[in-house]
Amino acid sequence: MSATEDLVRRLRGTVLPAVATPMDPRGVVDLDALRGYAERIAAERIGGVAVWAHTGRGLHLSRPDRHQVLRIWREVVEGPIVAGVGVPRPVRPRTLREAWDATVAMAVDAAALGADAVMVYPLAQFAERPGGQSEAVRLHERVAEESGLPVLGFFLHGEAGGYPYPPELIRRLLALPSAAGVKLATLDRAMACQDAIRAASGSGKLVITGEDRMFGPSLMWGADSALVGIAAARVPLTTAVLDSWRAGDHAGFVTASARLDRFAEATFLAPIEGYVQRMLWAAVWEGLIPEEAAHDPYGPELPGAERQAVVSCLEALAKEQAGPPGE
C-alpha cells in the first residue's frame, strides 16, 4: 500500500481540526499555550490535525515560528498531520516561478518536520492563465515529487485568496497518484460545492469538507471527511455531525447539525476574516488557551458584542447538552 493510499484509509470518515495558533497582540507565538492547546485537541477523537492552515495563520507565520508550531504538534499528536503550503506572506514573489518555488520549499520543510501530507494553497493567478489548469496540476506534482508527501488539493473561496476550481481541474488533480483528496471551502456557494463533490466522486480519493457554514449539507452531497476551522475549539460539535451521518443516525444527525450550525452562525459571518478571532474566543471559553494568547493580529478589529455573541451561543449549547436540572 502506498503512502497516499494509507493516508486515504486513515483519514476517511474523520475530522481534522484546522488548528489555531495562540499569539499575543504583536503576533508572537505563545509556545507554552500552544503545547497546552495541542494536548487538549489531541485528546479529542480526531483523525489528525491540519497545521499552517488559514485558521492557524500559517502563511503569516515566520519560517522559525512555522517550524516551532509543527514540531510541537508532531510531538503531541499521534495521528496524521496535514500542513498547508503556499506562498508565505513575507515572501514577495516577482514571478509565478518564484511563487511555485516558495510553495515547494514550504512543503519540503513540512516533510522534514514530520508532516504526513501537505495541502496546497491555490495560486489565484492560475485562474486567469490559458494554461492555468495544467500549471495547477504540475504544481501539485512538483510539490509531491520534492517533498515526498501525499498532496491534497484545496478549493478555497476568493475571500481567503483562492479561486473556484473547475470540475475538470478537480478530476485532473485527483487522477494524480500522489493526490490523496481535495478539500472544499467554497464558503457559501452551494452549487460550486455540489459540482466539486460530483467531480471528485468515484475517484476513490478523499472528498474533504471545509464548509463551516454548510457542513451538514456537504456531507449529504457526498463529502466523506472534514478539515475545518470550526473544529479549532469545540471539536465534539463537529465530530458529532460526521459520526451520526456515517452511522446512519438521521435523527441524531439533524440534531447535531443544527447545533453546529448555530455555532457557525456566531463565528463564520462578515467580516469573514474575523472567524479566526472568534474561534480563539471560543477556545478561551472552553479553557483551551489562556486569554493573553487569544489574539489574531492579522484579522479585522471586532466589537466586543461579537465576543459576547460567541460566548452566549456556547453557553446556550452547553446548557442544552447538560439538560434540565435533576436529569
C-alpha atoms as a PDB file:
ATOM      1  CA  MET A   1       0.000   0.000   0.000  1.00  0.00           C
ATOM      2  CA  SER A   2       1.389   3.408  -0.980  1.00  0.00           C
ATOM      3  CA  ALA A   3       1.678   6.308   1.480  1.00  0.00           C
ATOM      4  CA  THR A   4      -1.154   8.044  -0.360  1.00  0.00           C
ATOM      5  CA  GLU A   5      -3.456   5.023  -0.154  1.00  0.00           C
ATOM      6  CA  ASP A   6      -2.639   4.576   3.532  1.00  0.00           C
ATOM      7  CA  LEU A   7      -3.427   8.224   4.264  1.00  0.00           C
ATOM      8  CA  VAL A   8      -6.773   7.948   2.487  1.00  0.00           C
ATOM      9  CA  ARG A   9      -7.604   4.883   4.550  1.00  0.00           C
ATOM     10  CA  ARG A  10      -6.668   6.568   7.832  1.00  0.00           C
ATOM     11  CA  LEU A  11      -8.465   9.856   7.234  1.00  0.00           C
ATOM     12  CA  ARG A  12     -11.706   8.790   5.590  1.00  0.00           C
ATOM     13  CA  GLY A  13     -14.625   9.380   7.953  1.00  0.00           C
ATOM     14  CA  THR A  14     -12.641  11.536  10.370  1.00  0.00           C
ATOM     15  CA  VAL A  15     -12.397  15.182  11.391  1.00  0.00           C
ATOM     16  CA  LEU A  16      -9.120  17.098  11.212  1.00  0.00           C
ATOM     17  CA  PRO A  17      -9.318  20.383  13.106  1.00  0.00           C
ATOM     18  CA  ALA A  18      -7.648  23.241  11.253  1.00  0.00           C
ATOM     19  CA  VAL A  19      -5.984  24.352  14.452  1.00  0.00           C
ATOM     20  CA  ALA A  20      -5.388  27.905  15.646  1.00  0.00           C
ATOM     21  CA  THR A  21      -2.046  29.383  16.694  1.00  0.00           C
ATOM     22  CA  PRO A  22      -2.017  31.081  20.127  1.00  0.00           C
ATOM     23  CA  MET A  23      -0.354  34.519  19.852  1.00  0.00           C
ATOM     24  CA  ASP A  24      -0.023  37.800  21.662  1.00  0.00           C
ATOM     25  CA  PRO A  25      -1.239  41.092  20.101  1.00  0.00           C
ATOM     26  CA  ARG A  26       2.104  41.525  18.294  1.00  0.00           C
ATOM     27  CA  GLY A  27       1.886  38.137  16.613  1.00  0.00           C
ATOM     28  CA  VAL A  28       4.436  36.428  18.877  1.00  0.00           C
ATOM     29  CA  VAL A  29       3.540  32.746  19.143  1.00  0.00           C
ATOM     30  CA  ASP A  30       2.983  31.579  22.729  1.00  0.00           C
ATOM     31  CA  LEU A  31       4.689  28.198  22.678  1.00  0.00           C
ATOM     32  CA  ASP A  32       3.572  27.185  26.188  1.00  0.00           C
ATOM     33  CA  ALA A  33      -0.032  27.987  25.336  1.00  0.00           C
ATOM     34  CA  LEU A  34       0.364  26.143  22.037  1.00  0.00           C
ATOM     35  CA  ARG A  35       1.562  22.971  23.744  1.00  0.00           C
ATOM     36  CA  GLY A  36      -1.310  23.010  26.212  1.00  0.00           C
ATOM     37  CA  TYR A  37      -3.784  23.634  23.399  1.00  0.00           C
ATOM     38  CA  ALA A  38      -2.269  20.836  21.307  1.00  0.00           C
ATOM     39  CA  GLU A  39      -2.528  18.384  24.195  1.00  0.00           C
ATOM     40  CA  ARG A  40      -6.218  19.201  24.672  1.00  0.00           C
ATOM     41  CA  ILE A  41      -7.036  18.897  20.976  1.00  0.00           C
ATOM     42  CA  ALA A  42      -5.061  15.651  20.667  1.00  0.00           C
ATOM     43  CA  ALA A  43      -7.143  14.165  23.476  1.00  0.00           C
ATOM     44  CA  GLU A  44     -10.300  14.515  21.369  1.00  0.00           C
ATOM     45  CA  ARG A  45     -11.439  11.791  18.995  1.00  0.00           C
ATOM     46  CA  ILE A  46      -9.948  13.210  15.807  1.00  0.00           C
ATOM     47  CA  GLY A  47      -8.344  11.771  12.703  1.00  0.00           C
ATOM     48  CA  GLY A  48      -5.398  14.145  12.894  1.00  0.00           C
ATOM     49  CA  VAL A  49      -4.829  17.881  12.631  1.00  0.00           C
ATOM     50  CA  ALA A  50      -4.141  20.474   9.955  1.00  0.00           C
ATOM     51  CA  VAL A  51      -1.405  22.983  10.768  1.00  0.00           C
ATOM     52  CA  TRP A  52      -0.258  26.080   8.861  1.00  0.00           C
ATOM     53  CA  ALA A  53      -3.812  26.382   7.533  1.00  0.00           C
ATOM     54  CA  HIS A  54      -5.792  29.612   7.253  1.00  0.00           C
ATOM     55  CA  THR A  55      -7.188  29.254  10.781  1.00  0.00           C
ATOM     56  CA  GLY A  56      -3.654  28.965  12.155  1.00  0.00           C
ATOM     57  CA  ARG A  57      -2.454  31.900  10.025  1.00  0.00           C
ATOM     58  CA  GLY A  58       0.145  29.594   8.518  1.00  0.00           C
ATOM     59  CA  LEU A  59       1.138  31.865   5.655  1.00  0.00           C
ATOM     60  CA  HIS A  60       1.598  34.805   8.032  1.00  0.00           C
ATOM     61  CA  LEU A  61       3.975  33.000  10.372  1.00  0.00           C
ATOM     62  CA  SER A  62       7.718  33.400  10.059  1.00  0.00           C
ATOM     63  CA  ARG A  63       9.606  30.295   8.991  1.00  0.00           C
ATOM     64  CA  PRO A  64      11.050  29.723  12.506  1.00  0.00           C
ATOM     65  CA  ASP A  65       7.546  30.062  14.009  1.00  0.00           C
ATOM     66  CA  ARG A  66       6.086  27.649  11.472  1.00  0.00           C
ATOM     67  CA  HIS A  67       8.783  25.141  12.379  1.00  0.00           C
ATOM     68  CA  GLN A  68       8.110  25.506  16.118  1.00  0.00           C
ATOM     69  CA  VAL A  69       4.371  25.087  15.553  1.00  0.00           C
ATOM     70  CA  LEU A  70       4.719  21.888  13.543  1.00  0.00           C
ATOM     71  CA  ARG A  71       7.328  20.447  15.906  1.00  0.00           C
ATOM     72  CA  ILE A  72       5.017  20.853  18.893  1.00  0.00           C
ATOM     73  CA  TRP A  73       2.045  19.315  17.110  1.00  0.00           C
ATOM     74  CA  ARG A  74       4.228  16.432  15.891  1.00  0.00           C
ATOM     75  CA  GLU A  75       5.377  15.735  19.449  1.00  0.00           C
ATOM     76  CA  VAL A  76       1.820  15.703  20.770  1.00  0.00           C
ATOM     77  CA  VAL A  77      -0.340  14.198  18.008  1.00  0.00           C
ATOM     78  CA  GLU A  78      -0.044  10.529  17.100  1.00  0.00           C
ATOM     79  CA  GLY A  79      -2.315  10.702  14.052  1.00  0.00           C
ATOM     80  CA  PRO A  80      -1.631  12.244  10.661  1.00  0.00           C
ATOM     81  CA  ILE A  81      -0.651  15.896  10.363  1.00  0.00           C
ATOM     82  CA  VAL A  82      -1.539  17.802   7.212  1.00  0.00           C
ATOM     83  CA  ALA A  83       0.411  21.020   6.626  1.00  0.00           C
ATOM     84  CA  GLY A  84      -0.885  23.840   4.475  1.00  0.00           C
ATOM     85  CA  VAL A  85       1.735  25.018   1.988  1.00  0.00           C
ATOM     86  CA  GLY A  86       1.747  28.078  -0.217  1.00  0.00           C
ATOM     87  CA  VAL A  87       3.459  31.432  -0.608  1.00  0.00           C
ATOM     88  CA  PRO A  88       4.239  32.882   2.836  1.00  0.00           C
ATOM     89  CA  ARG A  89       3.065  36.482   3.247  1.00  0.00           C
ATOM     90  CA  PRO A  90       6.589  37.800   3.989  1.00  0.00           C
ATOM     91  CA  VAL A  91       7.686  36.457   0.576  1.00  0.00           C
ATOM     92  CA  ARG A  92       7.088  38.777  -2.374  1.00  0.00           C
ATOM     93  CA  PRO A  93       7.475  36.638  -5.497  1.00  0.00           C
ATOM     94  CA  ARG A  94       8.217  38.620  -8.644  1.00  0.00           C
ATOM     95  CA  THR A  95       7.254  35.773 -10.946  1.00  0.00           C
ATOM     96  CA  LEU A  96       4.931  32.792 -10.918  1.00  0.00           C
ATOM     97  CA  ARG A  97       8.010  30.556 -10.852  1.00  0.00           C
ATOM     98  CA  GLU A  98       9.133  32.181  -7.607  1.00  0.00           C
ATOM     99  CA  ALA A  99       5.655  31.559  -6.165  1.00  0.00           C
ATOM    100  CA  TRP A 100       5.989  27.882  -7.138  1.00  0.00           C
ATOM    101  CA  ASP A 101       9.420  27.698  -5.540  1.00  0.00           C
ATOM    102  CA  ALA A 102       8.133  29.223  -2.282  1.00  0.00           C
ATOM    103  CA  THR A 103       5.271  26.713  -2.149  1.00  0.00           C
ATOM    104  CA  VAL A 104       7.577  23.775  -2.796  1.00  0.00           C
ATOM    105  CA  ALA A 105      10.064  24.993  -0.182  1.00  0.00           C
ATOM    106  CA  MET A 106       7.310  25.142   2.429  1.00  0.00           C
ATOM    107  CA  ALA A 107       6.302  21.560   1.538  1.00  0.00           C
ATOM    108  CA  VAL A 108       9.881  20.330   1.840  1.00  0.00           C
ATOM    109  CA  ASP A 109      10.078  21.951   5.286  1.00  0.00           C
ATOM    110  CA  ALA A 110       6.829  20.243   6.301  1.00  0.00           C
ATOM    111  CA  ALA A 111       8.194  16.857   5.270  1.00  0.00           C
ATOM    112  CA  ALA A 112      11.415  17.387   7.206  1.00  0.00           C
ATOM    113  CA  LEU A 113       9.425  18.275  10.319  1.00  0.00           C
ATOM    114  CA  GLY A 114       7.285  15.138  10.223  1.00  0.00           C
ATOM    115  CA  ALA A 115       4.104  16.105   8.374  1.00  0.00           C
ATOM    116  CA  ASP A 116       2.216  13.229   6.751  1.00  0.00           C
ATOM    117  CA  ALA A 117       0.731  15.229   3.867  1.00  0.00           C
ATOM    118  CA  VAL A 118       0.510  18.755   2.501  1.00  0.00           C
ATOM    119  CA  MET A 119      -2.496  20.784   1.397  1.00  0.00           C
ATOM    120  CA  VAL A 120      -1.559  23.134  -1.422  1.00  0.00           C
ATOM    121  CA  TYR A 121      -2.914  26.664  -1.174  1.00  0.00           C
ATOM    122  CA  PRO A 122      -4.268  27.700  -4.573  1.00  0.00           C
ATOM    123  CA  LEU A 123      -2.361  30.230  -6.654  1.00  0.00           C
ATOM    124  CA  ALA A 124      -5.147  32.521  -7.849  1.00  0.00           C
ATOM    125  CA  GLN A 125      -3.032  33.592 -10.848  1.00  0.00           C
ATOM    126  CA  PHE A 126      -3.780  30.225 -12.462  1.00  0.00           C
ATOM    127  CA  ALA A 127      -7.434  31.194 -12.906  1.00  0.00           C
ATOM    128  CA  GLU A 128      -6.565  33.886 -15.460  1.00  0.00           C
ATOM    129  CA  ARG A 129      -3.964  31.985 -17.472  1.00  0.00           C
ATOM    130  CA  PRO A 130      -4.868  29.993 -20.621  1.00  0.00           C
ATOM    131  CA  GLY A 131      -2.892  27.013 -19.395  1.00  0.00           C
ATOM    132  CA  GLY A 132      -3.779  27.559 -15.749  1.00  0.00           C
ATOM    133  CA  GLN A 133      -5.296  24.135 -15.142  1.00  0.00           C
ATOM    134  CA  SER A 134      -2.237  22.307 -16.428  1.00  0.00           C
ATOM    135  CA  GLU A 135       0.015  24.598 -14.396  1.00  0.00           C
ATOM    136  CA  ALA A 136      -2.005  23.881 -11.249  1.00  0.00           C
ATOM    137  CA  VAL A 137      -1.680  20.146 -11.834  1.00  0.00           C
ATOM    138  CA  ARG A 138       2.054  20.483 -12.410  1.00  0.00           C
ATOM    139  CA  LEU A 139       2.479  22.479  -9.192  1.00  0.00           C
ATOM    140  CA  HIS A 140       0.839  19.677  -7.198  1.00  0.00           C
ATOM    141  CA  GLU A 141       3.038  17.124  -8.955  1.00  0.00           C
ATOM    142  CA  ARG A 142       6.175  19.104  -8.164  1.00  0.00           C
ATOM    143  CA  VAL A 143       5.172  19.557  -4.513  1.00  0.00           C
ATOM    144  CA  ALA A 144       4.683  15.802  -4.182  1.00  0.00           C
ATOM    145  CA  GLU A 145       7.906  14.968  -6.017  1.00  0.00           C
ATOM    146  CA  GLU A 146      10.151  17.255  -3.988  1.00  0.00           C
ATOM    147  CA  SER A 147       8.540  16.745  -0.574  1.00  0.00           C
ATOM    148  CA  GLY A 148       7.864  13.034  -0.953  1.00  0.00           C
ATOM    149  CA  LEU A 149       4.439  13.541   0.659  1.00  0.00           C
ATOM    150  CA  PRO A 150       0.861  12.930  -0.494  1.00  0.00           C
ATOM    151  CA  VAL A 151      -0.923  16.119  -1.520  1.00  0.00           C
ATOM    152  CA  LEU A 152      -4.411  17.499  -1.019  1.00  0.00           C
ATOM    153  CA  GLY A 153      -5.988  19.927  -3.452  1.00  0.00           C
ATOM    154  CA  PHE A 154      -7.591  22.988  -1.900  1.00  0.00           C
ATOM    155  CA  PHE A 155     -10.632  24.674  -3.469  1.00  0.00           C
ATOM    156  CA  LEU A 156     -10.548  27.895  -1.421  1.00  0.00           C
ATOM    157  CA  HIS A 157     -13.046  30.746  -1.761  1.00  0.00           C
ATOM    158  CA  GLY A 158     -11.859  34.061  -3.123  1.00  0.00           C
ATOM    159  CA  GLU A 159     -12.341  35.967   0.140  1.00  0.00           C
ATOM    160  CA  ALA A 160      -9.438  33.950   1.549  1.00  0.00           C
ATOM    161  CA  GLY A 161      -7.267  34.306  -1.542  1.00  0.00           C
ATOM    162  CA  GLY A 162      -8.340  31.285  -3.576  1.00  0.00           C
ATOM    163  CA  TYR A 163     -10.390  30.800  -6.721  1.00  0.00           C
ATOM    164  CA  PRO A 164     -13.097  28.415  -7.968  1.00  0.00           C
ATOM    165  CA  TYR A 165     -11.587  25.138  -9.165  1.00  0.00           C
ATOM    166  CA  PRO A 166     -13.477  23.969 -12.267  1.00  0.00           C
ATOM    167  CA  PRO A 167     -14.748  20.378 -12.015  1.00  0.00           C
ATOM    168  CA  GLU A 168     -12.268  19.331 -14.710  1.00  0.00           C
ATOM    169  CA  LEU A 169      -9.344  20.598 -12.615  1.00  0.00           C
ATOM    170  CA  ILE A 170     -10.573  18.618  -9.608  1.00  0.00           C
ATOM    171  CA  ARG A 171     -10.782  15.479 -11.733  1.00  0.00           C
ATOM    172  CA  ARG A 172      -7.260  16.054 -13.064  1.00  0.00           C
ATOM    173  CA  LEU A 173      -5.819  16.691  -9.618  1.00  0.00           C
ATOM    174  CA  LEU A 174      -7.398  13.579  -8.143  1.00  0.00           C
ATOM    175  CA  ALA A 175      -6.067  11.487 -11.019  1.00  0.00           C
ATOM    176  CA  LEU A 176      -2.534  12.115  -9.743  1.00  0.00           C
ATOM    177  CA  PRO A 177      -1.127   9.065  -7.900  1.00  0.00           C
ATOM    178  CA  SER A 178       0.197  11.409  -5.201  1.00  0.00           C
ATOM    179  CA  ALA A 179      -3.186  13.096  -4.614  1.00  0.00           C
ATOM    180  CA  ALA A 180      -4.991  11.869  -1.504  1.00  0.00           C
ATOM    181  CA  GLY A 181      -8.038  14.078  -1.952  1.00  0.00           C
ATOM    182  CA  VAL A 182      -9.386  17.590  -2.204  1.00  0.00           C
ATOM    183  CA  LYS A 183     -10.597  19.991   0.453  1.00  0.00           C
ATOM    184  CA  LEU A 184     -13.590  22.161  -0.423  1.00  0.00           C
ATOM    185  CA  ALA A 185     -14.001  25.569   1.212  1.00  0.00           C
ATOM    186  CA  THR A 186     -16.411  27.456  -1.032  1.00  0.00           C
ATOM    187  CA  LEU A 187     -17.807  29.470   1.946  1.00  0.00           C
ATOM    188  CA  ASP A 188     -21.435  29.877   0.849  1.00  0.00           C
ATOM    189  CA  ARG A 189     -21.516  28.681  -2.756  1.00  0.00           C
ATOM    190  CA  ALA A 190     -23.717  25.611  -2.642  1.00  0.00           C
ATOM    191  CA  MET A 191     -23.683  24.953  -6.377  1.00  0.00           C
ATOM    192  CA  ALA A 192     -19.885  25.167  -6.576  1.00  0.00           C
ATOM    193  CA  CYS A 193     -19.583  22.783  -3.637  1.00  0.00           C
ATOM    194  CA  GLN A 194     -22.016  20.312  -5.183  1.00  0.00           C
ATOM    195  CA  ASP A 195     -20.280  20.445  -8.572  1.00  0.00           C
ATOM    196  CA  ALA A 196     -16.882  19.867  -6.952  1.00  0.00           C
ATOM    197  CA  ILE A 197     -18.138  16.904  -4.946  1.00  0.00           C
ATOM    198  CA  ARG A 198     -19.644  15.371  -8.081  1.00  0.00           C
ATOM    199  CA  ALA A 199     -16.325  15.827  -9.876  1.00  0.00           C
ATOM    200  CA  ALA A 200     -14.479  14.098  -7.037  1.00  0.00           C
ATOM    201  CA  SER A 201     -16.913  11.216  -6.613  1.00  0.00           C
ATOM    202  CA  GLY A 202     -15.744   7.917  -7.990  1.00  0.00           C
ATOM    203  CA  SER A 203     -12.070   8.869  -7.726  1.00  0.00           C
ATOM    204  CA  GLY A 204     -11.506   6.747  -4.637  1.00  0.00           C
ATOM    205  CA  LYS A 205      -9.827   9.766  -3.061  1.00  0.00           C
ATOM    206  CA  LEU A 206     -10.929  11.819  -0.046  1.00  0.00           C
ATOM    207  CA  VAL A 207     -13.697  14.350  -0.548  1.00  0.00           C
ATOM    208  CA  ILE A 208     -12.989  16.656   2.363  1.00  0.00           C
ATOM    209  CA  THR A 209     -15.454  19.259   3.528  1.00  0.00           C
ATOM    210  CA  GLY A 210     -14.132  22.547   4.783  1.00  0.00           C
ATOM    211  CA  GLU A 211     -17.617  24.049   4.627  1.00  0.00           C
ATOM    212  CA  ASP A 212     -18.106  25.517   8.086  1.00  0.00           C
ATOM    213  CA  ARG A 213     -21.456  27.110   7.135  1.00  0.00           C
ATOM    214  CA  MET A 214     -22.628  24.154   5.015  1.00  0.00           C
ATOM    215  CA  PHE A 215     -21.135  21.298   6.990  1.00  0.00           C
ATOM    216  CA  GLY A 216     -24.169  19.026   7.232  1.00  0.00           C
ATOM    217  CA  PRO A 217     -25.334  19.621   3.654  1.00  0.00           C
ATOM    218  CA  SER A 218     -21.845  18.961   2.275  1.00  0.00           C
ATOM    219  CA  LEU A 219     -21.925  15.510   3.882  1.00  0.00           C
ATOM    220  CA  MET A 220     -25.332  14.863   2.370  1.00  0.00           C
ATOM    221  CA  TRP A 221     -23.914  15.870  -1.033  1.00  0.00           C
ATOM    222  CA  GLY A 222     -21.099  13.330  -0.739  1.00  0.00           C
ATOM    223  CA  ALA A 223     -18.185  14.634   1.340  1.00  0.00           C
ATOM    224  CA  ASP A 224     -16.665  11.829   3.415  1.00  0.00           C
ATOM    225  CA  SER A 225     -14.161  13.581   5.705  1.00  0.00           C
ATOM    226  CA  ALA A 226     -13.636  17.024   7.231  1.00  0.00           C
ATOM    227  CA  LEU A 227     -10.849  19.551   7.664  1.00  0.00           C
ATOM    228  CA  VAL A 228     -12.437  22.615   9.212  1.00  0.00           C
ATOM    229  CA  GLY A 229     -11.603  25.710  11.200  1.00  0.00           C
ATOM    230  CA  ILE A 230     -14.820  25.402  13.170  1.00  0.00           C
ATOM    231  CA  ALA A 231     -13.240  22.406  14.928  1.00  0.00           C
ATOM    232  CA  ALA A 232     -10.381  24.563  16.237  1.00  0.00           C
ATOM    233  CA  ALA A 233     -12.258  24.920  19.530  1.00  0.00           C
ATOM    234  CA  ARG A 234     -15.451  22.903  20.043  1.00  0.00           C
ATOM    235  CA  VAL A 235     -14.282  19.669  18.434  1.00  0.00           C
ATOM    236  CA  PRO A 236     -17.175  17.434  19.621  1.00  0.00           C
ATOM    237  CA  LEU A 237     -19.743  19.733  17.987  1.00  0.00           C
ATOM    238  CA  THR A 238     -18.163  18.891  14.639  1.00  0.00           C
ATOM    239  CA  THR A 239     -17.393  15.215  15.154  1.00  0.00           C
ATOM    240  CA  ALA A 240     -20.963  14.566  16.319  1.00  0.00           C
ATOM    241  CA  VAL A 241     -22.291  15.626  12.925  1.00  0.00           C
ATOM    242  CA  LEU A 242     -19.928  13.468  10.872  1.00  0.00           C
ATOM    243  CA  ASP A 243     -20.270  10.473  13.185  1.00  0.00           C
ATOM    244  CA  SER A 244     -24.069  10.486  13.163  1.00  0.00           C
ATOM    245  CA  TRP A 245     -24.181  10.863   9.384  1.00  0.00           C
ATOM    246  CA  ARG A 246     -21.816   7.965   8.786  1.00  0.00           C
ATOM    247  CA  ALA A 247     -23.697   5.812  11.308  1.00  0.00           C
ATOM    248  CA  GLY A 248     -26.996   6.416   9.500  1.00  0.00           C
ATOM    249  CA  ASP A 249     -28.434   8.029  12.629  1.00  0.00           C
ATOM    250  CA  HIS A 250     -30.512  10.586  10.787  1.00  0.00           C
ATOM    251  CA  ALA A 251     -32.317  11.922  13.840  1.00  0.00           C
ATOM    252  CA  GLY A 252     -29.001  12.380  15.621  1.00  0.00           C
ATOM    253  CA  PHE A 253     -27.553  13.982  12.508  1.00  0.00           C
ATOM    254  CA  VAL A 254     -30.303  16.579  12.320  1.00  0.00           C
ATOM    255  CA  THR A 255     -29.848  17.476  15.981  1.00  0.00           C
ATOM    256  CA  ALA A 256     -26.054  17.607  15.804  1.00  0.00           C
ATOM    257  CA  SER A 257     -26.095  19.566  12.553  1.00  0.00           C
ATOM    258  CA  ALA A 258     -28.479  22.152  13.978  1.00  0.00           C
ATOM    259  CA  ARG A 259     -26.203  22.650  16.993  1.00  0.00           C
ATOM    260  CA  LEU A 260     -23.118  23.072  14.825  1.00  0.00           C
ATOM    261  CA  ASP A 261     -24.983  25.473  12.531  1.00  0.00           C
ATOM    262  CA  ARG A 262     -25.788  27.713  15.491  1.00  0.00           C
ATOM    263  CA  PHE A 263     -22.124  27.864  16.438  1.00  0.00           C
ATOM    264  CA  ALA A 264     -21.150  28.532  12.813  1.00  0.00           C
ATOM    265  CA  GLU A 265     -23.640  31.406  12.629  1.00  0.00           C
ATOM    266  CA  ALA A 266     -21.922  33.032  15.612  1.00  0.00           C
ATOM    267  CA  THR A 267     -18.380  32.545  14.304  1.00  0.00           C
ATOM    268  CA  PHE A 268     -18.419  32.492  10.493  1.00  0.00           C
ATOM    269  CA  LEU A 269     -20.016  35.748   9.429  1.00  0.00           C
ATOM    270  CA  ALA A 270     -18.969  39.027   7.855  1.00  0.00           C
ATOM    271  CA  PRO A 271     -16.253  40.103   8.078  1.00  0.00           C
ATOM    272  CA  ILE A 272     -15.355  36.516   7.357  1.00  0.00           C
ATOM    273  CA  GLU A 273     -11.674  37.028   8.220  1.00  0.00           C
ATOM    274  CA  GLY A 274     -12.865  37.681  11.756  1.00  0.00           C
ATOM    275  CA  TYR A 275     -13.643  33.995  12.200  1.00  0.00           C
ATOM    276  CA  VAL A 276     -10.088  33.290  13.423  1.00  0.00           C
ATOM    277  CA  GLN A 277     -10.506  35.709  16.330  1.00  0.00           C
ATOM    278  CA  ARG A 278     -13.971  34.356  17.083  1.00  0.00           C
ATOM    279  CA  MET A 279     -12.610  30.817  17.238  1.00  0.00           C
ATOM    280  CA  LEU A 280      -9.861  31.993  19.587  1.00  0.00           C
ATOM    281  CA  TRP A 281     -12.529  33.495  21.854  1.00  0.00           C
ATOM    282  CA  ALA A 282     -14.319  30.147  21.791  1.00  0.00           C
ATOM    283  CA  ALA A 283     -11.072  28.386  22.702  1.00  0.00           C
ATOM    284  CA  VAL A 284     -10.660  30.699  25.706  1.00  0.00           C
ATOM    285  CA  TRP A 285     -14.231  29.996  26.839  1.00  0.00           C
ATOM    286  CA  GLU A 286     -13.532  26.281  26.641  1.00  0.00           C
ATOM    287  CA  GLY A 287     -10.264  26.612  28.553  1.00  0.00           C
ATOM    288  CA  LEU A 288      -8.097  25.509  25.644  1.00  0.00           C
ATOM    289  CA  ILE A 289      -5.886  28.594  25.596  1.00  0.00           C
ATOM    290  CA  PRO A 290      -5.298  31.490  28.008  1.00  0.00           C
ATOM    291  CA  GLU A 291      -6.725  34.952  27.406  1.00  0.00           C
ATOM    292  CA  GLU A 292      -3.314  36.516  26.787  1.00  0.00           C
ATOM    293  CA  ALA A 293      -2.655  34.125  23.877  1.00  0.00           C
ATOM    294  CA  ALA A 294      -6.021  34.601  22.159  1.00  0.00           C
ATOM    295  CA  HIS A 295      -5.120  37.302  19.652  1.00  0.00           C
ATOM    296  CA  ASP A 296      -5.319  37.370  15.862  1.00  0.00           C
ATOM    297  CA  PRO A 297      -3.218  40.355  14.741  1.00  0.00           C
ATOM    298  CA  TYR A 298      -3.863  39.529  11.078  1.00  0.00           C
ATOM    299  CA  GLY A 299      -7.657  39.828  11.117  1.00  0.00           C
ATOM    300  CA  PRO A 300     -10.052  42.765  11.415  1.00  0.00           C
ATOM    301  CA  GLU A 301     -10.899  44.569  14.630  1.00  0.00           C
ATOM    302  CA  LEU A 302     -14.125  43.182  16.050  1.00  0.00           C
ATOM    303  CA  PRO A 303     -16.540  44.804  18.510  1.00  0.00           C
ATOM    304  CA  GLY A 304     -16.979  43.360  21.974  1.00  0.00           C
ATOM    305  CA  ALA A 305     -20.573  42.471  21.131  1.00  0.00           C
ATOM    306  CA  GLU A 306     -19.304  39.800  18.755  1.00  0.00           C
ATOM    307  CA  ARG A 307     -17.387  38.084  21.535  1.00  0.00           C
ATOM    308  CA  GLN A 308     -20.480  38.129  23.703  1.00  0.00           C
ATOM    309  CA  ALA A 309     -22.460  36.545  20.871  1.00  0.00           C
ATOM    310  CA  VAL A 310     -19.913  33.707  20.641  1.00  0.00           C
ATOM    311  CA  VAL A 311     -19.938  33.168  24.402  1.00  0.00           C
ATOM    312  CA  SER A 312     -23.736  33.312  24.616  1.00  0.00           C
ATOM    313  CA  CYS A 313     -24.009  30.695  21.877  1.00  0.00           C
ATOM    314  CA  LEU A 314     -21.561  28.369  23.623  1.00  0.00           C
ATOM    315  CA  GLU A 315     -23.266  28.810  26.971  1.00  0.00           C
ATOM    316  CA  ALA A 316     -26.654  28.003  25.450  1.00  0.00           C
ATOM    317  CA  LEU A 317     -25.321  24.901  23.696  1.00  0.00           C
ATOM    318  CA  ALA A 318     -23.645  23.702  26.890  1.00  0.00           C
ATOM    319  CA  LYS A 319     -26.810  24.238  28.897  1.00  0.00           C
ATOM    320  CA  GLU A 320     -28.888  22.267  26.409  1.00  0.00           C
ATOM    321  CA  GLN A 321     -26.407  19.416  26.436  1.00  0.00           C
ATOM    322  CA  ALA A 322     -26.461  19.279  30.216  1.00  0.00           C
ATOM    323  CA  GLY A 323     -30.260  19.051  30.200  1.00  0.00           C
ATOM    324  CA  PRO A 324     -32.734  20.333  32.786  1.00  0.00           C
ATOM    325  CA  PRO A 325     -31.664  20.317  36.456  1.00  0.00           C
ATOM    326  CA  GLY A 326     -32.165  16.960  38.101  1.00  0.00           C
ATOM    327  CA  GLU A 327     -31.936  14.909  34.927  1.00  0.00           C
END
